PDB file of N, CA and C in Angstrom:
ATOM      1  N   MET A   1      96.548 -43.608  48.833  1.00  0.00           N
ATOM      2  CA  MET A   1      95.830 -42.586  49.584  1.00  0.00           C
ATOM      3  C   MET A   1      94.492 -43.177  50.014  1.00  0.00           C
ATOM      4  N   SER A   2      94.117 -42.946  51.240  1.00  0.00           N
ATOM      5  CA  SER A   2      92.851 -43.464  51.728  1.00  0.00           C
ATOM      6  C   SER A   2      91.706 -42.645  51.146  1.00  0.00           C
ATOM      7  N   THR A   3      90.618 -43.331  50.880  1.00  0.00           N
ATOM      8  CA  THR A   3      89.451 -42.643  50.345  1.00  0.00           C
ATOM      9  C   THR A   3      88.495 -42.339  51.477  1.00  0.00           C
ATOM     10  N   ILE A   4      87.855 -41.214  51.369  1.00  0.00           N
ATOM     11  CA  ILE A   4      86.883 -40.801  52.367  1.00  0.00           C
ATOM     12  C   ILE A   4      85.519 -41.252  51.880  1.00  0.00           C
ATOM     13  N   ASP A   5      84.770 -41.875  52.751  1.00  0.00           N
ATOM     14  CA  ASP A   5      83.434 -42.316  52.391  1.00  0.00           C
ATOM     15  C   ASP A   5      82.527 -41.094  52.297  1.00  0.00           C
ATOM     16  N   ILE A   6      82.099 -40.777  51.090  1.00  0.00           N
ATOM     17  CA  ILE A   6      81.285 -39.579  50.858  1.00  0.00           C
ATOM     18  C   ILE A   6      79.955 -39.665  51.590  1.00  0.00           C
ATOM     19  N   ASN A   7      79.448 -40.874  51.777  1.00  0.00           N
ATOM     20  CA  ASN A   7      78.187 -41.020  52.503  1.00  0.00           C
ATOM     21  C   ASN A   7      78.320 -40.592  53.959  1.00  0.00           C
ATOM     22  N   GLN A   8      79.468 -40.862  54.566  1.00  0.00           N
ATOM     23  CA  GLN A   8      79.699 -40.432  55.935  1.00  0.00           C
ATOM     24  C   GLN A   8      79.731 -38.917  56.020  1.00  0.00           C
ATOM     25  N   VAL A   9      80.396 -38.291  55.057  1.00  0.00           N
ATOM     26  CA  VAL A   9      80.484 -36.833  55.054  1.00  0.00           C
ATOM     27  C   VAL A   9      79.096 -36.228  54.864  1.00  0.00           C
ATOM     28  N   LEU A  10      78.325 -36.767  53.932  1.00  0.00           N
ATOM     29  CA  LEU A  10      76.973 -36.257  53.696  1.00  0.00           C
ATOM     30  C   LEU A  10      76.071 -36.448  54.911  1.00  0.00           C
ATOM     31  N   THR A  11      76.190 -37.596  55.548  1.00  0.00           N
ATOM     32  CA  THR A  11      75.399 -37.850  56.750  1.00  0.00           C
ATOM     33  C   THR A  11      75.763 -36.857  57.845  1.00  0.00           C
ATOM     34  N   GLN A  12      77.041 -36.610  58.003  1.00  0.00           N
ATOM     35  CA  GLN A  12      77.467 -35.663  59.029  1.00  0.00           C
ATOM     36  C   GLN A  12      76.972 -34.256  58.712  1.00  0.00           C
ATOM     37  N   MET A  13      77.008 -33.874  57.439  1.00  0.00           N
ATOM     38  CA  MET A  13      76.528 -32.547  57.063  1.00  0.00           C
ATOM     39  C   MET A  13      75.025 -32.421  57.322  1.00  0.00           C
ATOM     40  N   ARG A  14      74.269 -33.462  57.059  1.00  0.00           N
ATOM     41  CA  ARG A  14      72.822 -33.436  57.310  1.00  0.00           C
ATOM     42  C   ARG A  14      72.519 -33.339  58.801  1.00  0.00           C
ATOM     43  N   VAL A  15      73.298 -34.067  59.597  1.00  0.00           N
ATOM     44  CA  VAL A  15      73.108 -34.020  61.044  1.00  0.00           C
ATOM     45  C   VAL A  15      73.425 -32.624  61.569  1.00  0.00           C
ATOM     46  N   LEU A  16      74.522 -32.039  61.099  1.00  0.00           N
ATOM     47  CA  LEU A  16      74.884 -30.695  61.533  1.00  0.00           C
ATOM     48  C   LEU A  16      73.838 -29.674  61.097  1.00  0.00           C
ATOM     49  N   GLU A  17      73.298 -29.856  59.905  1.00  0.00           N
ATOM     50  CA  GLU A  17      72.246 -28.955  59.431  1.00  0.00           C
ATOM     51  C   GLU A  17      71.009 -29.059  60.311  1.00  0.00           C
ATOM     52  N   ALA A  18      70.637 -30.287  60.659  1.00  0.00           N
ATOM     53  CA  ALA A  18      69.471 -30.480  61.528  1.00  0.00           C
ATOM     54  C   ALA A  18      69.710 -29.875  62.904  1.00  0.00           C
ATOM     55  N   GLN A  19      70.909 -30.031  63.426  1.00  0.00           N
ATOM     56  CA  GLN A  19      71.231 -29.459  64.726  1.00  0.00           C
ATOM     57  C   GLN A  19      71.210 -27.934  64.670  1.00  0.00           C
ATOM     58  N   ALA A  20      71.677 -27.365  63.568  1.00  0.00           N
ATOM     59  CA  ALA A  20      71.679 -25.907  63.424  1.00  0.00           C
ATOM     60  C   ALA A  20      70.256 -25.355  63.367  1.00  0.00           C
ATOM     61  N   ARG A  21      69.345 -26.124  62.812  1.00  0.00           N
ATOM     62  CA  ARG A  21      67.943 -25.702  62.732  1.00  0.00           C
ATOM     63  C   ARG A  21      67.208 -25.933  64.045  1.00  0.00           C
ATOM     64  N   GLY A  22      67.851 -26.638  64.953  1.00  0.00           N
ATOM     65  CA  GLY A  22      67.220 -26.914  66.238  1.00  0.00           C
ATOM     66  C   GLY A  22      66.339 -28.149  66.208  1.00  0.00           C
ATOM     67  N   GLU A  23      66.452 -28.922  65.155  1.00  0.00           N
ATOM     68  CA  GLU A  23      65.656 -30.141  65.029  1.00  0.00           C
ATOM     69  C   GLU A  23      66.330 -31.268  65.799  1.00  0.00           C
ATOM     70  N   ALA A  24      65.527 -32.205  66.229  1.00  0.00           N
ATOM     71  CA  ALA A  24      66.064 -33.362  66.924  1.00  0.00           C
ATOM     72  C   ALA A  24      66.690 -34.304  65.906  1.00  0.00           C
ATOM     73  N   VAL A  25      67.811 -34.865  66.258  1.00  0.00           N
ATOM     74  CA  VAL A  25      68.484 -35.817  65.386  1.00  0.00           C
ATOM     75  C   VAL A  25      68.131 -37.213  65.881  1.00  0.00           C
ATOM     76  N   PRO A  26      67.524 -38.037  65.008  1.00  0.00           N
ATOM     77  CA  PRO A  26      67.167 -39.392  65.427  1.00  0.00           C
ATOM     78  C   PRO A  26      68.397 -40.196  65.825  1.00  0.00           C
ATOM     79  N   VAL A  27      68.216 -41.079  66.793  1.00  0.00           N
ATOM     80  CA  VAL A  27      69.311 -41.938  67.239  1.00  0.00           C
ATOM     81  C   VAL A  27      69.725 -42.820  66.071  1.00  0.00           C
ATOM     82  N   GLY A  28      71.001 -42.971  65.881  1.00  0.00           N
ATOM     83  CA  GLY A  28      71.507 -43.762  64.772  1.00  0.00           C
ATOM     84  C   GLY A  28      71.786 -42.917  63.539  1.00  0.00           C
ATOM     85  N   GLN A  29      71.312 -41.684  63.518  1.00  0.00           N
ATOM     86  CA  GLN A  29      71.553 -40.803  62.395  1.00  0.00           C
ATOM     87  C   GLN A  29      72.794 -39.956  62.597  1.00  0.00           C
ATOM     88  N   GLY A  30      73.367 -40.016  63.768  1.00  0.00           N
ATOM     89  CA  GLY A  30      74.551 -39.216  64.059  1.00  0.00           C
ATOM     90  C   GLY A  30      75.735 -39.685  63.241  1.00  0.00           C
ATOM     91  N   PRO A  31      76.709 -38.835  63.084  1.00  0.00           N
ATOM     92  CA  PRO A  31      77.868 -39.211  62.286  1.00  0.00           C
ATOM     93  C   PRO A  31      78.673 -40.316  62.962  1.00  0.00           C
ATOM     94  N   SER A  32      79.164 -41.248  62.158  1.00  0.00           N
ATOM     95  CA  SER A  32      79.935 -42.341  62.737  1.00  0.00           C
ATOM     96  C   SER A  32      81.366 -41.902  63.038  1.00  0.00           C
ATOM     97  N   THR A  33      81.857 -40.935  62.294  1.00  0.00           N
ATOM     98  CA  THR A  33      83.165 -40.361  62.580  1.00  0.00           C
ATOM     99  C   THR A  33      83.053 -38.847  62.517  1.00  0.00           C
ATOM    100  N   SER A  34      83.909 -38.191  63.246  1.00  0.00           N
ATOM    101  CA  SER A  34      83.839 -36.740  63.265  1.00  0.00           C
ATOM    102  C   SER A  34      84.534 -36.159  62.039  1.00  0.00           C
ATOM    103  N   PHE A  35      84.226 -34.910  61.754  1.00  0.00           N
ATOM    104  CA  PHE A  35      84.844 -34.222  60.631  1.00  0.00           C
ATOM    105  C   PHE A  35      86.354 -34.131  60.823  1.00  0.00           C
ATOM    106  N   GLY A  36      86.761 -33.893  62.058  1.00  0.00           N
ATOM    107  CA  GLY A  36      88.188 -33.824  62.356  1.00  0.00           C
ATOM    108  C   GLY A  36      88.904 -35.128  62.041  1.00  0.00           C
ATOM    109  N   ASP A  37      88.240 -36.250  62.353  1.00  0.00           N
ATOM    110  CA  ASP A  37      88.837 -37.550  62.045  1.00  0.00           C
ATOM    111  C   ASP A  37      88.966 -37.753  60.536  1.00  0.00           C
ATOM    112  N   LEU A  38      87.932 -37.360  59.792  1.00  0.00           N
ATOM    113  CA  LEU A  38      87.987 -37.482  58.338  1.00  0.00           C
ATOM    114  C   LEU A  38      89.092 -36.603  57.757  1.00  0.00           C
ATOM    115  N   LEU A  39      89.230 -35.409  58.293  1.00  0.00           N
ATOM    116  CA  LEU A  39      90.263 -34.500  57.823  1.00  0.00           C
ATOM    117  C   LEU A  39      91.649 -35.067  58.122  1.00  0.00           C
ATOM    118  N   LYS A  40      91.809 -35.614  59.326  1.00  0.00           N
ATOM    119  CA  LYS A  40      93.091 -36.215  59.695  1.00  0.00           C
ATOM    120  C   LYS A  40      93.415 -37.400  58.792  1.00  0.00           C
ATOM    121  N   GLN A  41      92.427 -38.226  58.472  1.00  0.00           N
ATOM    122  CA  GLN A  41      92.649 -39.351  57.573  1.00  0.00           C
ATOM    123  C   GLN A  41      93.094 -38.872  56.197  1.00  0.00           C
ATOM    124  N   SER A  42      92.494 -37.798  55.736  1.00  0.00           N
ATOM    125  CA  SER A  42      92.861 -37.252  54.427  1.00  0.00           C
ATOM    126  C   SER A  42      94.300 -36.743  54.437  1.00  0.00           C
ATOM    127  N   ILE A  43      94.656 -36.008  55.477  1.00  0.00           N
ATOM    128  CA  ILE A  43      96.016 -35.478  55.577  1.00  0.00           C
ATOM    129  C   ILE A  43      97.020 -36.620  55.693  1.00  0.00           C
ATOM    130  N   ASP A  44      96.686 -37.635  56.472  1.00  0.00           N
ATOM    131  CA  ASP A  44      97.568 -38.792  56.594  1.00  0.00           C
ATOM    132  C   ASP A  44      97.730 -39.497  55.248  1.00  0.00           C
ATOM    133  N   GLY A  45      96.650 -39.560  54.476  1.00  0.00           N
ATOM    134  CA  GLY A  45      96.716 -40.178  53.147  1.00  0.00           C
ATOM    135  C   GLY A  45      97.628 -39.404  52.215  1.00  0.00           C
ATOM    136  N   VAL A  46      97.543 -38.091  52.247  1.00  0.00           N
ATOM    137  CA  VAL A  46      98.420 -37.256  51.424  1.00  0.00           C
ATOM    138  C   VAL A  46      99.866 -37.443  51.866  1.00  0.00           C
ATOM    139  N   ASN A  47     100.092 -37.461  53.151  1.00  0.00           N
ATOM    140  CA  ASN A  47     101.443 -37.669  53.682  1.00  0.00           C
ATOM    141  C   ASN A  47     102.001 -39.015  53.245  1.00  0.00           C
ATOM    142  N   GLU A  48     101.177 -40.043  53.315  1.00  0.00           N
ATOM    143  CA  GLU A  48     101.601 -41.382  52.911  1.00  0.00           C
ATOM    144  C   GLU A  48     101.973 -41.400  51.423  1.00  0.00           C
ATOM    145  N   THR A  49     101.174 -40.728  50.601  1.00  0.00           N
ATOM    146  CA  THR A  49     101.445 -40.661  49.167  1.00  0.00           C
ATOM    147  C   THR A  49     102.764 -39.942  48.908  1.00  0.00           C
ATOM    148  N   GLN A  50     103.015 -38.860  49.634  1.00  0.00           N
ATOM    149  CA  GLN A  50     104.271 -38.119  49.458  1.00  0.00           C
ATOM    150  C   GLN A  50     105.473 -38.947  49.905  1.00  0.00           C
ATOM    151  N   GLN A  51     105.328 -39.670  50.998  1.00  0.00           N
ATOM    152  CA  GLN A  51     106.435 -40.499  51.472  1.00  0.00           C
ATOM    153  C   GLN A  51     106.745 -41.625  50.495  1.00  0.00           C
ATOM    154  N   LYS A  52     105.697 -42.223  49.920  1.00  0.00           N
ATOM    155  CA  LYS A  52     105.894 -43.292  48.941  1.00  0.00           C
ATOM    156  C   LYS A  52     106.615 -42.746  47.716  1.00  0.00           C
ATOM    157  N   ALA A  53     106.216 -41.562  47.250  1.00  0.00           N
ATOM    158  CA  ALA A  53     106.860 -40.955  46.082  1.00  0.00           C
ATOM    159  C   ALA A  53     108.333 -40.655  46.377  1.00  0.00           C
ATOM    160  N   ALA A  54     108.606 -40.136  47.562  1.00  0.00           N
ATOM    161  CA  ALA A  54     109.990 -39.833  47.935  1.00  0.00           C
ATOM    162  C   ALA A  54     110.823 -41.109  48.022  1.00  0.00           C
ATOM    163  N   GLU A  55     110.228 -42.167  48.558  1.00  0.00           N
ATOM    164  CA  GLU A  55     110.925 -43.447  48.682  1.00  0.00           C
ATOM    165  C   GLU A  55     111.247 -44.026  47.304  1.00  0.00           C
ATOM    166  N   LEU A  56     110.275 -43.981  46.391  1.00  0.00           N
ATOM    167  CA  LEU A  56     110.505 -44.482  45.042  1.00  0.00           C
ATOM    168  C   LEU A  56     111.551 -43.636  44.311  1.00  0.00           C
ATOM    169  N   THR A  57     111.498 -42.333  44.525  1.00  0.00           N
ATOM    170  CA  THR A  57     112.479 -41.448  43.895  1.00  0.00           C
ATOM    171  C   THR A  57     113.885 -41.778  44.375  1.00  0.00           C
ATOM    172  N   ARG A  58     114.047 -41.946  45.684  1.00  0.00           N
ATOM    173  CA  ARG A  58     115.354 -42.302  46.242  1.00  0.00           C
ATOM    174  C   ARG A  58     115.837 -43.641  45.687  1.00  0.00           C
ATOM    175  N   ALA A  59     114.918 -44.607  45.613  1.00  0.00           N
ATOM    176  CA  ALA A  59     115.283 -45.932  45.107  1.00  0.00           C
ATOM    177  C   ALA A  59     115.736 -45.850  43.647  1.00  0.00           C
ATOM    178  N   PHE A  60     115.052 -45.060  42.855  1.00  0.00           N
ATOM    179  CA  PHE A  60     115.437 -44.906  41.450  1.00  0.00           C
ATOM    180  C   PHE A  60     116.786 -44.202  41.322  1.00  0.00           C
ATOM    181  N   GLU A  61     116.985 -43.171  42.144  1.00  0.00           N
ATOM    182  CA  GLU A  61     118.238 -42.418  42.084  1.00  0.00           C
ATOM    183  C   GLU A  61     119.439 -43.253  42.507  1.00  0.00           C
ATOM    184  N   THR A  62     119.226 -44.192  43.410  1.00  0.00           N
ATOM    185  CA  THR A  62     120.334 -45.047  43.852  1.00  0.00           C
ATOM    186  C   THR A  62     120.552 -46.231  42.924  1.00  0.00           C
ATOM    187  N   GLY A  63     119.689 -46.373  41.925  1.00  0.00           N
ATOM    188  CA  GLY A  63     119.900 -47.396  40.905  1.00  0.00           C
ATOM    189  C   GLY A  63     119.341 -48.765  41.224  1.00  0.00           C
ATOM    190  N   GLU A  64     118.357 -48.842  42.089  1.00  0.00           N
ATOM    191  CA  GLU A  64     117.757 -50.148  42.379  1.00  0.00           C
ATOM    192  C   GLU A  64     117.103 -50.686  41.105  1.00  0.00           C
ATOM    193  N   LYS A  65     117.259 -51.970  40.879  1.00  0.00           N
ATOM    194  CA  LYS A  65     116.822 -52.591  39.623  1.00  0.00           C
ATOM    195  C   LYS A  65     115.301 -52.723  39.492  1.00  0.00           C
ATOM    196  N   ASP A  66     114.595 -52.892  40.600  1.00  0.00           N
ATOM    197  CA  ASP A  66     113.155 -53.168  40.527  1.00  0.00           C
ATOM    198  C   ASP A  66     112.290 -51.911  40.456  1.00  0.00           C
ATOM    199  N   VAL A  67     112.900 -50.722  40.332  1.00  0.00           N
ATOM    200  CA  VAL A  67     112.144 -49.466  40.295  1.00  0.00           C
ATOM    201  C   VAL A  67     112.176 -48.918  38.870  1.00  0.00           C
ATOM    202  N   ASP A  68     111.000 -48.728  38.320  1.00  0.00           N
ATOM    203  CA  ASP A  68     110.852 -48.251  36.951  1.00  0.00           C
ATOM    204  C   ASP A  68     110.633 -46.732  36.961  1.00  0.00           C
ATOM    205  N   LEU A  69     111.165 -46.038  35.965  1.00  0.00           N
ATOM    206  CA  LEU A  69     111.009 -44.590  35.877  1.00  0.00           C
ATOM    207  C   LEU A  69     109.538 -44.195  35.780  1.00  0.00           C
ATOM    208  N   ALA A  70     108.770 -44.945  35.015  1.00  0.00           N
ATOM    209  CA  ALA A  70     107.346 -44.634  34.863  1.00  0.00           C
ATOM    210  C   ALA A  70     106.627 -44.728  36.206  1.00  0.00           C
ATOM    211  N   GLU A  71     106.969 -45.723  36.996  1.00  0.00           N
ATOM    212  CA  GLU A  71     106.372 -45.895  38.320  1.00  0.00           C
ATOM    213  C   GLU A  71     106.707 -44.706  39.222  1.00  0.00           C
ATOM    214  N   VAL A  72     107.948 -44.246  39.135  1.00  0.00           N
ATOM    215  CA  VAL A  72     108.379 -43.096  39.938  1.00  0.00           C
ATOM    216  C   VAL A  72     107.619 -41.854  39.514  1.00  0.00           C
ATOM    217  N   MET A  73     107.517 -41.619  38.216  1.00  0.00           N
ATOM    218  CA  MET A  73     106.839 -40.430  37.709  1.00  0.00           C
ATOM    219  C   MET A  73     105.356 -40.436  38.086  1.00  0.00           C
ATOM    220  N   ILE A  74     104.715 -41.579  38.017  1.00  0.00           N
ATOM    221  CA  ILE A  74     103.302 -41.681  38.399  1.00  0.00           C
ATOM    222  C   ILE A  74     103.126 -41.395  39.886  1.00  0.00           C
ATOM    223  N   ALA A  75     104.003 -41.949  40.708  1.00  0.00           N
ATOM    224  CA  ALA A  75     103.918 -41.716  42.154  1.00  0.00           C
ATOM    225  C   ALA A  75     104.121 -40.245  42.488  1.00  0.00           C
ATOM    226  N   VAL A  76     105.062 -39.592  41.802  1.00  0.00           N
ATOM    227  CA  VAL A  76     105.315 -38.173  42.047  1.00  0.00           C
ATOM    228  C   VAL A  76     104.110 -37.336  41.630  1.00  0.00           C
ATOM    229  N   GLN A  77     103.489 -37.672  40.499  1.00  0.00           N
ATOM    230  CA  GLN A  77     102.314 -36.932  40.044  1.00  0.00           C
ATOM    231  C   GLN A  77     101.124 -37.142  40.978  1.00  0.00           C
ATOM    232  N   LYS A  78     100.931 -38.383  41.454  1.00  0.00           N
ATOM    233  CA  LYS A  78      99.857 -38.642  42.423  1.00  0.00           C
ATOM    234  C   LYS A  78     100.073 -37.810  43.681  1.00  0.00           C
ATOM    235  N   SER A  79     101.319 -37.761  44.121  1.00  0.00           N
ATOM    236  CA  SER A  79     101.655 -36.986  45.304  1.00  0.00           C
ATOM    237  C   SER A  79     101.346 -35.510  45.088  1.00  0.00           C
ATOM    238  N   SER A  80     101.735 -34.995  43.958  1.00  0.00           N
ATOM    239  CA  SER A  80     101.515 -33.581  43.644  1.00  0.00           C
ATOM    240  C   SER A  80     100.024 -33.258  43.567  1.00  0.00           C
ATOM    241  N   ILE A  81      99.273 -34.093  42.895  1.00  0.00           N
ATOM    242  CA  ILE A  81      97.831 -33.852  42.731  1.00  0.00           C
ATOM    243  C   ILE A  81      97.112 -33.942  44.068  1.00  0.00           C
ATOM    244  N   SER A  82      97.475 -34.927  44.885  1.00  0.00           N
ATOM    245  CA  SER A  82      96.803 -35.060  46.181  1.00  0.00           C
ATOM    246  C   SER A  82      97.126 -33.869  47.082  1.00  0.00           C
ATOM    247  N   PHE A  83      98.365 -33.375  47.004  1.00  0.00           N
ATOM    248  CA  PHE A  83      98.729 -32.211  47.807  1.00  0.00           C
ATOM    249  C   PHE A  83      97.976 -30.970  47.335  1.00  0.00           C
ATOM    250  N   GLN A  84      97.888 -30.778  46.033  1.00  0.00           N
ATOM    251  CA  GLN A  84      97.157 -29.631  45.489  1.00  0.00           C
ATOM    252  C   GLN A  84      95.682 -29.690  45.878  1.00  0.00           C
ATOM    253  N   ALA A  85      95.098 -30.886  45.843  1.00  0.00           N
ATOM    254  CA  ALA A  85      93.701 -31.027  46.251  1.00  0.00           C
ATOM    255  C   ALA A  85      93.535 -30.690  47.727  1.00  0.00           C
ATOM    256  N   MET A  86      94.472 -31.132  48.561  1.00  0.00           N
ATOM    257  CA  MET A  86      94.395 -30.835  49.985  1.00  0.00           C
ATOM    258  C   MET A  86      94.497 -29.331  50.230  1.00  0.00           C
ATOM    259  N   VAL A  87      95.360 -28.653  49.487  1.00  0.00           N
ATOM    260  CA  VAL A  87      95.498 -27.207  49.640  1.00  0.00           C
ATOM    261  C   VAL A  87      94.201 -26.507  49.236  1.00  0.00           C
ATOM    262  N   GLN A  88      93.548 -26.964  48.181  1.00  0.00           N
ATOM    263  CA  GLN A  88      92.288 -26.368  47.753  1.00  0.00           C
ATOM    264  C   GLN A  88      91.191 -26.573  48.796  1.00  0.00           C
ATOM    265  N   VAL A  89      91.152 -27.759  49.395  1.00  0.00           N
ATOM    266  CA  VAL A  89      90.175 -28.018  50.462  1.00  0.00           C
ATOM    267  C   VAL A  89      90.458 -27.105  51.644  1.00  0.00           C
ATOM    268  N   ARG A  90      91.727 -26.959  52.003  1.00  0.00           N
ATOM    269  CA  ARG A  90      92.091 -26.058  53.095  1.00  0.00           C
ATOM    270  C   ARG A  90      91.650 -24.630  52.794  1.00  0.00           C
ATOM    271  N   ASN A  91      91.872 -24.180  51.572  1.00  0.00           N
ATOM    272  CA  ASN A  91      91.478 -22.827  51.199  1.00  0.00           C
ATOM    273  C   ASN A  91      89.965 -22.641  51.315  1.00  0.00           C
ATOM    274  N   LYS A  92      89.208 -23.640  50.895  1.00  0.00           N
ATOM    275  CA  LYS A  92      87.746 -23.554  51.000  1.00  0.00           C
ATOM    276  C   LYS A  92      87.297 -23.556  52.459  1.00  0.00           C
ATOM    277  N   LEU A  93      87.956 -24.346  53.294  1.00  0.00           N
ATOM    278  CA  LEU A  93      87.605 -24.367  54.711  1.00  0.00           C
ATOM    279  C   LEU A  93      87.900 -23.026  55.368  1.00  0.00           C
ATOM    280  N   VAL A  94      89.029 -22.426  55.037  1.00  0.00           N
ATOM    281  CA  VAL A  94      89.378 -21.114  55.592  1.00  0.00           C
ATOM    282  C   VAL A  94      88.373 -20.070  55.120  1.00  0.00           C
ATOM    283  N   GLU A  95      88.005 -20.134  53.856  1.00  0.00           N
ATOM    284  CA  GLU A  95      87.017 -19.201  53.310  1.00  0.00           C
ATOM    285  C   GLU A  95      85.662 -19.360  54.005  1.00  0.00           C
ATOM    286  N   ALA A  96      85.247 -20.602  54.216  1.00  0.00           N
ATOM    287  CA  ALA A  96      83.980 -20.850  54.907  1.00  0.00           C
ATOM    288  C   ALA A  96      84.043 -20.361  56.350  1.00  0.00           C
ATOM    289  N   TYR A  97      85.167 -20.579  57.014  1.00  0.00           N
ATOM    290  CA  TYR A  97      85.342 -20.119  58.386  1.00  0.00           C
ATOM    291  C   TYR A  97      85.223 -18.595  58.453  1.00  0.00           C
ATOM    292  N   LYS A  98      85.875 -17.913  57.512  1.00  0.00           N
ATOM    293  CA  LYS A  98      85.799 -16.442  57.486  1.00  0.00           C
ATOM    294  C   LYS A  98      84.368 -15.977  57.247  1.00  0.00           C
ATOM    295  N   ASP A  99      83.644 -16.667  56.366  1.00  0.00           N
ATOM    296  CA  ASP A  99      82.249 -16.301  56.106  1.00  0.00           C
ATOM    297  C   ASP A  99      81.392 -16.474  57.363  1.00  0.00           C
ATOM    298  N   VAL A 100      81.611 -17.560  58.071  1.00  0.00           N
ATOM    299  CA  VAL A 100      80.844 -17.811  59.298  1.00  0.00           C
ATOM    300  C   VAL A 100      81.198 -16.770  60.356  1.00  0.00           C
ATOM    301  N   MET A 101      82.464 -16.442  60.474  1.00  0.00           N
ATOM    302  CA  MET A 101      82.871 -15.453  61.477  1.00  0.00           C
ATOM    303  C   MET A 101      82.355 -14.048  61.168  1.00  0.00           C
ATOM    304  N   ASN A 102      82.123 -13.759  59.901  1.00  0.00           N
ATOM    305  CA  ASN A 102      81.627 -12.439  59.512  1.00  0.00           C
ATOM    306  C   ASN A 102      80.110 -12.326  59.508  1.00  0.00           C
ATOM    307  N   MET A 103      79.427 -13.423  59.839  1.00  0.00           N
ATOM    308  CA  MET A 103      77.959 -13.392  59.892  1.00  0.00           C
ATOM    309  C   MET A 103      77.502 -12.563  61.087  1.00  0.00           C
ATOM    310  N   PRO A 104      76.484 -11.734  60.870  1.00  0.00           N
ATOM    311  CA  PRO A 104      75.964 -10.977  62.021  1.00  0.00           C
ATOM    312  C   PRO A 104      75.201 -11.908  62.956  1.00  0.00           C
ATOM    313  N   MET A 105      75.257 -11.597  64.222  1.00  0.00           N
ATOM    314  CA  MET A 105      74.582 -12.454  65.207  1.00  0.00           C
ATOM    315  C   MET A 105      73.196 -11.966  65.464  1.00  0.00           C
TER     316      MET A 105
END
């Protein structure tokens, strides 16, 4: 699974905060990647982890010699945990969106 650079996320959040306050953002302080790109990378990482787990599971079920049960179980657990984390992030994003939409103008 690809890791997201937390510094990029923090920098982007600071830039967005400054823009929301109406402050000027210094050149070079802007985010290097967009939030959408980071989110897509995360989803792609979860997908990749799930595909790897499915591939290892199939290989073990067909009796390939180089696939160990422990390796399969670890891959399946990584896949499950990454998916659960992605669902929690999605839930928080939906909750934040609802809070923003319910703010009085």
